[in-house]
Structure formats: C-alpha cells, structure tokens
C-alpha cells in the first residue's frame, strides 16, 4: 500500500552540547502524522516487529528535489521527524526557519 501526504512545515536545526553534529529537520504533524502512526502500527502488527527507533521508509519531494530517507517518531510533538540533508537544502536554497510544502510517500 502506498500513501502520499502533503505537509507544510518549518525547517529547524537540532544541535547537541555533547556532539559536534547538527541536523536539519521538518516536523510532520497533524492529520498526516496520525495517518503515518496508524500505518506504522499496521505494518508492525503484520510483520511482528518494527524498524530501529520506529522509523518508516519514505520518498520525499520538496520543490524539484526528491529523495529516499526515513522518518522517526517524535515523542515531544507526537509527530514525525524528517531529516533534510545538505544536498537538498543546497538544491532548494533552504535555511533553518524556512517554511515549505513537502510530499511524503510511504
């Protein structure tokens, strides 16, 4: 089964005091997040297990750029975290704080 969800979200930067890494994410919330949670539960029931950290494989499109990645459940927001890699940010000229429309296909 393939589902596509369209979400408008703001790009944000995660930093750690414990590591020199930083990551850019979009938080997928609302009806799309609820539908993804339901699909994740259905897949877990069918397969008897879940992927690491509860991740779901997705195909994402922002603007003219598409790529395959994984999204991760976010306990804080109840939504899903979508990492946005540097190549995508560069191609679409995105910076933290930009709001964008994203297509997420599971």
PDB file of N, CA and C in Angstrom:
ATOM      1  N   UNK A   1       0.842  -1.177   0.000  1.00  0.00           N
ATOM      2  CA  UNK A   1       0.000   0.000   0.000  1.00  0.00           C
ATOM      3  C   UNK A   1       0.890   1.243   0.000  1.00  0.00           C
ATOM      4  N   UNK A   2       0.573   2.212  -0.835  1.00  0.00           N
ATOM      5  CA  UNK A   2       1.310   3.466  -0.919  1.00  0.00           C
ATOM      6  C   UNK A   2       0.386   4.601  -0.511  1.00  0.00           C
ATOM      7  N   UNK A   3       0.884   5.445   0.378  1.00  0.00           N
ATOM      8  CA  UNK A   3       0.146   6.635   0.803  1.00  0.00           C
ATOM      9  C   UNK A   3       1.034   7.844   0.590  1.00  0.00           C
ATOM     10  N   UNK A   4       0.446   8.940   0.111  1.00  0.00           N
ATOM     11  CA  UNK A   4       1.181  10.195  -0.017  1.00  0.00           C
ATOM     12  C   UNK A   4       0.490  11.249   0.826  1.00  0.00           C
ATOM     13  N   UNK A   5       1.293  11.984   1.592  1.00  0.00           N
ATOM     14  CA  UNK A   5       0.789  13.054   2.450  1.00  0.00           C
ATOM     15  C   UNK A   5       1.513  14.339   2.086  1.00  0.00           C
ATOM     16  N   UNK A   6       0.781  15.445   2.122  1.00  0.00           N
ATOM     17  CA  UNK A   6       1.339  16.758   1.837  1.00  0.00           C
ATOM     18  C   UNK A   6       1.276  17.574   3.121  1.00  0.00           C
ATOM     19  N   UNK A   7       2.421  18.108   3.510  1.00  0.00           N
ATOM     20  CA  UNK A   7       2.531  18.824   4.782  1.00  0.00           C
ATOM     21  C   UNK A   7       3.288  20.123   4.559  1.00  0.00           C
ATOM     22  N   UNK A   8       2.851  21.177   5.222  1.00  0.00           N
ATOM     23  CA  UNK A   8       3.611  22.420   5.262  1.00  0.00           C
ATOM     24  C   UNK A   8       4.272  22.483   6.628  1.00  0.00           C
ATOM     25  N   UNK A   9       5.593  22.654   6.629  1.00  0.00           N
ATOM     26  CA  UNK A   9       6.342  22.640   7.886  1.00  0.00           C
ATOM     27  C   UNK A   9       7.530  23.591   7.793  1.00  0.00           C
ATOM     28  N   UNK A  10       8.055  23.952   8.964  1.00  0.00           N
ATOM     29  CA  UNK A  10       9.192  24.852   9.058  1.00  0.00           C
ATOM     30  C   UNK A  10      10.467  24.054   9.314  1.00  0.00           C
ATOM     31  N   UNK A  11      11.520  24.361   8.548  1.00  0.00           N
ATOM     32  CA  UNK A  11      12.817  23.723   8.710  1.00  0.00           C
ATOM     33  C   UNK A  11      13.476  24.232   9.987  1.00  0.00           C
ATOM     34  N   UNK A  12      13.970  23.311  10.817  1.00  0.00           N
ATOM     35  CA  UNK A  12      14.629  23.714  12.057  1.00  0.00           C
ATOM     36  C   UNK A  12      15.927  22.953  12.242  1.00  0.00           C
ATOM     37  N   UNK A  13      16.810  23.520  13.059  1.00  0.00           N
ATOM     38  CA  UNK A  13      18.140  22.971  13.270  1.00  0.00           C
ATOM     39  C   UNK A  13      18.243  22.371  14.657  1.00  0.00           C
ATOM     40  N   UNK A  14      18.711  21.117  14.731  1.00  0.00           N
ATOM     41  CA  UNK A  14      18.959  20.445  16.008  1.00  0.00           C
ATOM     42  C   UNK A  14      20.456  20.478  16.269  1.00  0.00           C
ATOM     43  N   UNK A  15      20.839  20.896  17.472  1.00  0.00           N
ATOM     44  CA  UNK A  15      22.233  20.905  17.913  1.00  0.00           C
ATOM     45  C   UNK A  15      22.358  20.097  19.180  1.00  0.00           C
ATOM     46  N   UNK A  16      23.570  19.637  19.454  1.00  0.00           N
ATOM     47  CA  UNK A  16      23.827  18.894  20.680  1.00  0.00           C
ATOM     48  C   UNK A  16      25.018  19.499  21.405  1.00  0.00           C
ATOM     49  N   UNK A  17      24.887  19.624  22.714  1.00  0.00           N
ATOM     50  CA  UNK A  17      26.013  20.072  23.531  1.00  0.00           C
ATOM     51  C   UNK A  17      27.059  18.972  23.659  1.00  0.00           C
ATOM     52  N   UNK A  18      26.638  17.727  23.444  1.00  0.00           N
ATOM     53  CA  UNK A  18      27.512  16.572  23.652  1.00  0.00           C
ATOM     54  C   UNK A  18      28.243  16.136  22.381  1.00  0.00           C
ATOM     55  N   UNK A  19      27.820  16.634  21.230  1.00  0.00           N
ATOM     56  CA  UNK A  19      28.447  16.227  19.971  1.00  0.00           C
ATOM     57  C   UNK A  19      28.571  17.445  19.052  1.00  0.00           C
ATOM     58  N   UNK A  20      29.525  17.371  18.175  1.00  0.00           N
ATOM     59  CA  UNK A  20      29.754  18.492  17.254  1.00  0.00           C
ATOM     60  C   UNK A  20      28.819  18.442  16.040  1.00  0.00           C
ATOM     61  N   UNK A  21      27.780  17.644  16.119  1.00  0.00           N
ATOM     62  CA  UNK A  21      26.870  17.475  14.987  1.00  0.00           C
ATOM     63  C   UNK A  21      25.663  18.402  15.094  1.00  0.00           C
ATOM     64  N   UNK A  22      25.117  18.727  13.949  1.00  0.00           N
ATOM     65  CA  UNK A  22      23.835  19.427  13.882  1.00  0.00           C
ATOM     66  C   UNK A  22      23.086  18.866  12.684  1.00  0.00           C
ATOM     67  N   UNK A  23      21.758  18.821  12.800  1.00  0.00           N
ATOM     68  CA  UNK A  23      20.908  18.236  11.762  1.00  0.00           C
ATOM     69  C   UNK A  23      19.735  19.163  11.501  1.00  0.00           C
ATOM     70  N   UNK A  24      19.281  19.199  10.255  1.00  0.00           N
ATOM     71  CA  UNK A  24      18.096  19.958   9.886  1.00  0.00           C
ATOM     72  C   UNK A  24      16.919  18.990   9.763  1.00  0.00           C
ATOM     73  N   UNK A  25      15.787  19.402  10.322  1.00  0.00           N
ATOM     74  CA  UNK A  25      14.588  18.563  10.308  1.00  0.00           C
ATOM     75  C   UNK A  25      13.359  19.381   9.946  1.00  0.00           C
ATOM     76  N   UNK A  26      12.343  18.663   9.467  1.00  0.00           N
ATOM     77  CA  UNK A  26      10.975  19.142   9.400  1.00  0.00           C
ATOM     78  C   UNK A  26      10.185  18.260  10.343  1.00  0.00           C
ATOM     79  N   UNK A  27       9.225  18.822  11.077  1.00  0.00           N
ATOM     80  CA  UNK A  27       8.359  18.035  11.939  1.00  0.00           C
ATOM     81  C   UNK A  27       7.024  17.872  11.228  1.00  0.00           C
ATOM     82  N   UNK A  28       6.663  16.621  10.965  1.00  0.00           N
ATOM     83  CA  UNK A  28       5.388  16.304  10.321  1.00  0.00           C
ATOM     84  C   UNK A  28       4.357  16.100  11.417  1.00  0.00           C
ATOM     85  N   UNK A  29       3.317  16.930  11.426  1.00  0.00           N
ATOM     86  CA  UNK A  29       2.308  16.878  12.490  1.00  0.00           C
ATOM     87  C   UNK A  29       0.901  16.806  11.891  1.00  0.00           C
ATOM     88  N   UNK A  30      -0.087  16.811  12.761  1.00  0.00           N
ATOM     89  CA  UNK A  30      -1.482  16.867  12.339  1.00  0.00           C
ATOM     90  C   UNK A  30      -1.994  15.567  11.752  1.00  0.00           C
ATOM     91  N   UNK A  31      -2.915  15.693  10.796  1.00  0.00           N
ATOM     92  CA  UNK A  31      -3.563  14.532  10.193  1.00  0.00           C
ATOM     93  C   UNK A  31      -2.562  13.604   9.511  1.00  0.00           C
ATOM     94  N   UNK A  32      -1.559  14.170   8.873  1.00  0.00           N
ATOM     95  CA  UNK A  32      -0.549  13.333   8.203  1.00  0.00           C
ATOM     96  C   UNK A  32       0.182  12.479   9.230  1.00  0.00           C
ATOM     97  N   UNK A  33       0.560  13.068  10.353  1.00  0.00           N
ATOM     98  CA  UNK A  33       1.268  12.318  11.403  1.00  0.00           C
ATOM     99  C   UNK A  33       0.389  11.204  11.957  1.00  0.00           C
ATOM    100  N   UNK A  34      -0.883  11.488  12.165  1.00  0.00           N
ATOM    101  CA  UNK A  34      -1.801  10.467  12.675  1.00  0.00           C
ATOM    102  C   UNK A  34      -1.924   9.303  11.686  1.00  0.00           C
ATOM    103  N   UNK A  35      -2.014   9.616  10.397  1.00  0.00           N
ATOM    104  CA  UNK A  35      -2.121   8.565   9.376  1.00  0.00           C
ATOM    105  C   UNK A  35      -0.837   7.737   9.314  1.00  0.00           C
ATOM    106  N   UNK A  36       0.313   8.392   9.465  1.00  0.00           N
ATOM    107  CA  UNK A  36       1.589   7.672   9.445  1.00  0.00           C
ATOM    108  C   UNK A  36       1.697   6.769  10.666  1.00  0.00           C
ATOM    109  N   UNK A  37       1.283   7.258  11.837  1.00  0.00           N
ATOM    110  CA  UNK A  37       1.296   6.419  13.044  1.00  0.00           C
ATOM    111  C   UNK A  37       0.413   5.179  12.850  1.00  0.00           C
ATOM    112  N   UNK A  38      -0.746   5.366  12.254  1.00  0.00           N
ATOM    113  CA  UNK A  38      -1.659   4.236  12.019  1.00  0.00           C
ATOM    114  C   UNK A  38      -1.029   3.224  11.061  1.00  0.00           C
ATOM    115  N   UNK A  39      -0.396   3.709  10.008  1.00  0.00           N
ATOM    116  CA  UNK A  39       0.255   2.809   9.053  1.00  0.00           C
ATOM    117  C   UNK A  39       1.435   2.089   9.715  1.00  0.00           C
ATOM    118  N   UNK A  40       2.203   2.794  10.530  1.00  0.00           N
ATOM    119  CA  UNK A  40       3.332   2.169  11.230  1.00  0.00           C
ATOM    120  C   UNK A  40       2.842   1.050  12.147  1.00  0.00           C
ATOM    121  N   UNK A  41       1.738   1.287  12.853  1.00  0.00           N
ATOM    122  CA  UNK A  41       1.173   0.263  13.727  1.00  0.00           C
ATOM    123  C   UNK A  41       0.704  -0.941  12.916  1.00  0.00           C
ATOM    124  N   UNK A  42       0.033  -0.688  11.795  1.00  0.00           N
ATOM    125  CA  UNK A  42      -0.449  -1.770  10.947  1.00  0.00           C
ATOM    126  C   UNK A  42       0.728  -2.612  10.430  1.00  0.00           C
ATOM    127  N   UNK A  43       1.784  -1.955   9.985  1.00  0.00           N
ATOM    128  CA  UNK A  43       2.955  -2.684   9.487  1.00  0.00           C
ATOM    129  C   UNK A  43       3.628  -3.481  10.604  1.00  0.00           C
ATOM    130  N   UNK A  44       3.675  -2.911  11.804  1.00  0.00           N
ATOM    131  CA  UNK A  44       4.280  -3.620  12.931  1.00  0.00           C
ATOM    132  C   UNK A  44       3.462  -4.853  13.289  1.00  0.00           C
ATOM    133  N   UNK A  45       2.143  -4.747  13.237  1.00  0.00           N
ATOM    134  CA  UNK A  45       1.280  -5.889  13.521  1.00  0.00           C
ATOM    135  C   UNK A  45       1.428  -6.964  12.450  1.00  0.00           C
ATOM    136  N   UNK A  46       1.572  -6.548  11.191  1.00  0.00           N
ATOM    137  CA  UNK A  46       1.730  -7.502  10.097  1.00  0.00           C
ATOM    138  C   UNK A  46       3.076  -8.216  10.142  1.00  0.00           C
ATOM    139  N   UNK A  47       4.127  -7.486  10.478  1.00  0.00           N
ATOM    140  CA  UNK A  47       5.485  -8.042  10.440  1.00  0.00           C
ATOM    141  C   UNK A  47       5.940  -8.600  11.783  1.00  0.00           C
ATOM    142  N   UNK A  48       5.281  -8.204  12.855  1.00  0.00           N
ATOM    143  CA  UNK A  48       5.657  -8.692  14.173  1.00  0.00           C
ATOM    144  C   UNK A  48       6.826  -7.966  14.804  1.00  0.00           C
ATOM    145  N   UNK A  49       7.336  -6.949  14.141  1.00  0.00           N
ATOM    146  CA  UNK A  49       8.426  -6.164  14.707  1.00  0.00           C
ATOM    147  C   UNK A  49       8.431  -4.796  14.049  1.00  0.00           C
ATOM    148  N   UNK A  50       9.242  -3.891  14.607  1.00  0.00           N
ATOM    149  CA  UNK A  50       9.341  -2.573  13.999  1.00  0.00           C
ATOM    150  C   UNK A  50      10.796  -2.293  13.650  1.00  0.00           C
ATOM    151  N   UNK A  51      11.014  -1.321  12.793  1.00  0.00           N
ATOM    152  CA  UNK A  51      12.363  -0.927  12.405  1.00  0.00           C
ATOM    153  C   UNK A  51      12.993  -0.146  13.556  1.00  0.00           C
ATOM    154  N   UNK A  52      14.296   0.004  13.537  1.00  0.00           N
ATOM    155  CA  UNK A  52      15.018   0.742  14.573  1.00  0.00           C
ATOM    156  C   UNK A  52      14.434   2.117  14.827  1.00  0.00           C
ATOM    157  N   UNK A  53      14.273   2.449  16.091  1.00  0.00           N
ATOM    158  CA  UNK A  53      13.701   3.718  16.557  1.00  0.00           C
ATOM    159  C   UNK A  53      12.281   3.950  16.035  1.00  0.00           C
ATOM    160  N   UNK A  54      11.644   2.927  15.502  1.00  0.00           N
ATOM    161  CA  UNK A  54      10.293   3.083  14.972  1.00  0.00           C
ATOM    162  C   UNK A  54      10.250   3.780  13.629  1.00  0.00           C
ATOM    163  N   UNK A  55      11.376   3.818  12.929  1.00  0.00           N
ATOM    164  CA  UNK A  55      11.494   4.545  11.659  1.00  0.00           C
ATOM    165  C   UNK A  55      10.581   3.974  10.578  1.00  0.00           C
ATOM    166  N   UNK A  56      10.199   4.833   9.669  1.00  0.00           N
ATOM    167  CA  UNK A  56       9.417   4.450   8.485  1.00  0.00           C
ATOM    168  C   UNK A  56      10.172   4.937   7.247  1.00  0.00           C
ATOM    169  N   UNK A  57      10.329   4.059   6.252  1.00  0.00           N
ATOM    170  CA  UNK A  57      10.953   4.456   4.991  1.00  0.00           C
ATOM    171  C   UNK A  57       9.970   5.306   4.197  1.00  0.00           C
ATOM    172  N   UNK A  58      10.495   6.381   3.578  1.00  0.00           N
ATOM    173  CA  UNK A  58       9.641   7.291   2.815  1.00  0.00           C
ATOM    174  C   UNK A  58      10.374   7.792   1.572  1.00  0.00           C
ATOM    175  N   UNK A  59       9.587   8.286   0.624  1.00  0.00           N
ATOM    176  CA  UNK A  59      10.098   9.010  -0.541  1.00  0.00           C
ATOM    177  C   UNK A  59       9.582  10.436  -0.379  1.00  0.00           C
ATOM    178  N   UNK A  60      10.472  11.407  -0.447  1.00  0.00           N
ATOM    179  CA  UNK A  60      10.131  12.794  -0.137  1.00  0.00           C
ATOM    180  C   UNK A  60      10.409  13.684  -1.339  1.00  0.00           C
ATOM    181  N   UNK A  61       9.546  14.688  -1.523  1.00  0.00           N
ATOM    182  CA  UNK A  61       9.779  15.708  -2.541  1.00  0.00           C
ATOM    183  C   UNK A  61       9.573  17.078  -1.911  1.00  0.00           C
ATOM    184  N   UNK A  62      10.587  17.930  -2.108  1.00  0.00           N
ATOM    185  CA  UNK A  62      10.498  19.346  -1.749  1.00  0.00           C
ATOM    186  C   UNK A  62      10.894  20.112  -3.008  1.00  0.00           C
ATOM    187  N   UNK A  63       9.993  20.933  -3.491  1.00  0.00           N
ATOM    188  CA  UNK A  63      10.286  21.663  -4.723  1.00  0.00           C
ATOM    189  C   UNK A  63      10.534  20.694  -5.870  1.00  0.00           C
ATOM    190  N   UNK A  64      11.708  20.801  -6.499  1.00  0.00           N
ATOM    191  CA  UNK A  64      12.091  19.942  -7.620  1.00  0.00           C
ATOM    192  C   UNK A  64      12.969  18.771  -7.172  1.00  0.00           C
ATOM    193  N   UNK A  65      13.233  18.658  -5.867  1.00  0.00           N
ATOM    194  CA  UNK A  65      14.164  17.655  -5.356  1.00  0.00           C
ATOM    195  C   UNK A  65      13.428  16.517  -4.664  1.00  0.00           C
ATOM    196  N   UNK A  66      13.762  15.283  -5.042  1.00  0.00           N
ATOM    197  CA  UNK A  66      13.169  14.082  -4.433  1.00  0.00           C
ATOM    198  C   UNK A  66      14.290  13.181  -3.933  1.00  0.00           C
ATOM    199  N   UNK A  67      14.022  12.454  -2.847  1.00  0.00           N
ATOM    200  CA  UNK A  67      14.996  11.503  -2.316  1.00  0.00           C
ATOM    201  C   UNK A  67      14.302  10.510  -1.402  1.00  0.00           C
ATOM    202  N   UNK A  68      14.999   9.398  -1.140  1.00  0.00           N
ATOM    203  CA  UNK A  68      14.515   8.379  -0.218  1.00  0.00           C
ATOM    204  C   UNK A  68      15.226   8.540   1.115  1.00  0.00           C
ATOM    205  N   UNK A  69      14.476   8.423   2.205  1.00  0.00           N
ATOM    206  CA  UNK A  69      15.025   8.571   3.544  1.00  0.00           C
ATOM    207  C   UNK A  69      14.117   7.829   4.519  1.00  0.00           C
ATOM    208  N   UNK A  70      14.310   8.059   5.791  1.00  0.00           N
ATOM    209  CA  UNK A  70      13.432   7.522   6.830  1.00  0.00           C
ATOM    210  C   UNK A  70      12.974   8.652   7.721  1.00  0.00           C
ATOM    211  N   UNK A  71      11.765   8.520   8.249  1.00  0.00           N
ATOM    212  CA  UNK A  71      11.259   9.463   9.242  1.00  0.00           C
ATOM    213  C   UNK A  71      11.191   8.728  10.579  1.00  0.00           C
ATOM    214  N   UNK A  72      11.230   9.507  11.658  1.00  0.00           N
ATOM    215  CA  UNK A  72      11.302   8.935  13.001  1.00  0.00           C
ATOM    216  C   UNK A  72      10.220   9.536  13.888  1.00  0.00           C
ATOM    217  N   UNK A  73       9.573   8.739  14.734  1.00  0.00           N
ATOM    218  CA  UNK A  73       8.557   9.291  15.629  1.00  0.00           C
ATOM    219  C   UNK A  73       9.195  10.254  16.619  1.00  0.00           C
ATOM    220  N   UNK A  74       8.485  11.336  16.920  1.00  0.00           N
ATOM    221  CA  UNK A  74       8.962  12.361  17.864  1.00  0.00           C
ATOM    222  C   UNK A  74       8.037  12.394  19.063  1.00  0.00           C
ATOM    223  N   UNK A  75       8.524  11.934  20.199  1.00  0.00           N
ATOM    224  CA  UNK A  75       7.707  11.903  21.413  1.00  0.00           C
ATOM    225  C   UNK A  75       7.277  13.299  21.846  1.00  0.00           C
ATOM    226  N   UNK A  76       8.133  14.286  21.625  1.00  0.00           N
ATOM    227  CA  UNK A  76       7.832  15.655  22.057  1.00  0.00           C
ATOM    228  C   UNK A  76       6.610  16.249  21.384  1.00  0.00           C
ATOM    229  N   UNK A  77       6.522  16.106  20.064  1.00  0.00           N
ATOM    230  CA  UNK A  77       5.415  16.720  19.324  1.00  0.00           C
ATOM    231  C   UNK A  77       4.300  15.725  19.013  1.00  0.00           C
ATOM    232  N   UNK A  78       4.619  14.427  19.116  1.00  0.00           N
ATOM    233  CA  UNK A  78       3.655  13.412  18.703  1.00  0.00           C
ATOM    234  C   UNK A  78       3.637  13.218  17.199  1.00  0.00           C
ATOM    235  N   UNK A  79       4.513  13.930  16.499  1.00  0.00           N
ATOM    236  CA  UNK A  79       4.593  13.832  15.051  1.00  0.00           C
ATOM    237  C   UNK A  79       5.756  12.962  14.619  1.00  0.00           C
ATOM    238  N   UNK A  80       6.302  13.289  13.462  1.00  0.00           N
ATOM    239  CA  UNK A  80       7.418  12.539  12.870  1.00  0.00           C
ATOM    240  C   UNK A  80       8.506  13.521  12.469  1.00  0.00           C
ATOM    241  N   UNK A  81       9.772  13.125  12.653  1.00  0.00           N
ATOM    242  CA  UNK A  81      10.908  13.954  12.265  1.00  0.00           C
ATOM    243  C   UNK A  81      11.427  13.511  10.910  1.00  0.00           C
ATOM    244  N   UNK A  82      11.528  14.459   9.994  1.00  0.00           N
ATOM    245  CA  UNK A  82      12.035  14.220   8.653  1.00  0.00           C
ATOM    246  C   UNK A  82      13.374  14.945   8.509  1.00  0.00           C
ATOM    247  N   UNK A  83      14.486  14.191   8.425  1.00  0.00           N
ATOM    248  CA  UNK A  83      15.786  14.846   8.226  1.00  0.00           C
ATOM    249  C   UNK A  83      15.891  15.384   6.799  1.00  0.00           C
ATOM    250  N   UNK A  84      16.447  16.583   6.661  1.00  0.00           N
ATOM    251  CA  UNK A  84      16.623  17.196   5.344  1.00  0.00           C
ATOM    252  C   UNK A  84      18.122  17.378   5.131  1.00  0.00           C
ATOM    253  N   UNK A  85      18.685  16.570   4.244  1.00  0.00           N
ATOM    254  CA  UNK A  85      20.130  16.557   4.057  1.00  0.00           C
ATOM    255  C   UNK A  85      20.629  17.805   3.329  1.00  0.00           C
ATOM    256  N   UNK A  86      21.934  18.036   3.461  1.00  0.00           N
ATOM    257  CA  UNK A  86      22.560  19.239   2.922  1.00  0.00           C
ATOM    258  C   UNK A  86      22.356  19.390   1.420  1.00  0.00           C
ATOM    259  N   UNK A  87      22.431  18.295   0.668  1.00  0.00           N
ATOM    260  CA  UNK A  87      22.266  18.377  -0.784  1.00  0.00           C
ATOM    261  C   UNK A  87      20.882  18.917  -1.163  1.00  0.00           C
ATOM    262  N   UNK A  88      19.867  18.539  -0.406  1.00  0.00           N
ATOM    263  CA  UNK A  88      18.507  19.023  -0.662  1.00  0.00           C
ATOM    264  C   UNK A  88      18.412  20.503  -0.290  1.00  0.00           C
ATOM    265  N   UNK A  89      18.946  20.854   0.875  1.00  0.00           N
ATOM    266  CA  UNK A  89      18.906  22.262   1.300  1.00  0.00           C
ATOM    267  C   UNK A  89      19.616  23.161   0.293  1.00  0.00           C
ATOM    268  N   UNK A  90      20.749  22.697  -0.223  1.00  0.00           N
ATOM    269  CA  UNK A  90      21.501  23.476  -1.205  1.00  0.00           C
ATOM    270  C   UNK A  90      20.730  23.590  -2.516  1.00  0.00           C
ATOM    271  N   UNK A  91      20.207  22.467  -3.023  1.00  0.00           N
ATOM    272  CA  UNK A  91      19.473  22.466  -4.294  1.00  0.00           C
ATOM    273  C   UNK A  91      18.241  23.359  -4.243  1.00  0.00           C
ATOM    274  N   UNK A  92      17.567  23.381  -3.094  1.00  0.00           N
ATOM    275  CA  UNK A  92      16.321  24.155  -2.961  1.00  0.00           C
ATOM    276  C   UNK A  92      16.535  25.501  -2.264  1.00  0.00           C
ATOM    277  N   UNK A  93      17.803  25.818  -1.946  1.00  0.00           N
ATOM    278  CA  UNK A  93      18.167  27.083  -1.281  1.00  0.00           C
ATOM    279  C   UNK A  93      17.378  27.279   0.015  1.00  0.00           C
ATOM    280  N   UNK A  94      17.426  26.266   0.882  1.00  0.00           N
ATOM    281  CA  UNK A  94      16.685  26.277   2.139  1.00  0.00           C
ATOM    282  C   UNK A  94      17.607  26.560   3.318  1.00  0.00           C
ATOM    283  N   UNK A  95      17.082  27.297   4.288  1.00  0.00           N
ATOM    284  CA  UNK A  95      17.794  27.538   5.541  1.00  0.00           C
ATOM    285  C   UNK A  95      16.819  27.352   6.695  1.00  0.00           C
ATOM    286  N   UNK A  96      17.367  27.130   7.884  1.00  0.00           N
ATOM    287  CA  UNK A  96      16.523  26.983   9.075  1.00  0.00           C
ATOM    288  C   UNK A  96      15.580  28.170   9.188  1.00  0.00           C
ATOM    289  N   UNK A  97      14.324  27.879   9.481  1.00  0.00           N
ATOM    290  CA  UNK A  97      13.295  28.905   9.593  1.00  0.00           C
ATOM    291  C   UNK A  97      12.407  29.001   8.364  1.00  0.00           C
ATOM    292  N   UNK A  98      12.858  28.459   7.235  1.00  0.00           N
ATOM    293  CA  UNK A  98      12.039  28.471   6.012  1.00  0.00           C
ATOM    294  C   UNK A  98      10.856  27.517   6.172  1.00  0.00           C
ATOM    295  N   UNK A  99       9.698  27.961   5.712  1.00  0.00           N
ATOM    296  CA  UNK A  99       8.514  27.108   5.714  1.00  0.00           C
ATOM    297  C   UNK A  99       8.332  26.580   4.298  1.00  0.00           C
ATOM    298  N   UNK A 100       8.007  25.284   4.193  1.00  0.00           N
ATOM    299  CA  UNK A 100       7.893  24.687   2.864  1.00  0.00           C
ATOM    300  C   UNK A 100       6.808  23.629   2.839  1.00  0.00           C
ATOM    301  N   UNK A 101       6.379  23.312   1.633  1.00  0.00           N
ATOM    302  CA  UNK A 101       5.417  22.230   1.394  1.00  0.00           C
ATOM    303  C   UNK A 101       6.219  21.006   0.993  1.00  0.00           C
ATOM    304  N   UNK A 102       5.909  19.881   1.610  1.00  0.00           N
ATOM    305  CA  UNK A 102       6.634  18.649   1.373  1.00  0.00           C
ATOM    306  C   UNK A 102       5.662  17.529   1.062  1.00  0.00           C
ATOM    307  N   UNK A 103       6.051  16.672   0.125  1.00  0.00           N
ATOM    308  CA  UNK A 103       5.279  15.487  -0.221  1.00  0.00           C
ATOM    309  C   UNK A 103       6.022  14.284   0.367  1.00  0.00           C
ATOM    310  N   UNK A 104       5.302  13.471   1.159  1.00  0.00           N
ATOM    311  CA  UNK A 104       5.894  12.309   1.806  1.00  0.00           C
ATOM    312  C   UNK A 104       5.094  11.079   1.378  1.00  0.00           C
ATOM    313  N   UNK A 105       5.774  10.150   0.689  1.00  0.00           N
ATOM    314  CA  UNK A 105       5.125   8.926   0.230  1.00  0.00           C
ATOM    315  C   UNK A 105       5.695   7.744   0.999  1.00  0.00           C
ATOM    316  N   UNK A 106       4.780   6.951   1.605  1.00  0.00           N
ATOM    317  CA  UNK A 106       5.188   5.786   2.377  1.00  0.00           C
ATOM    318  C   UNK A 106       4.984   4.545   1.553  1.00  0.00           C
TER     319      UNK A 106
END
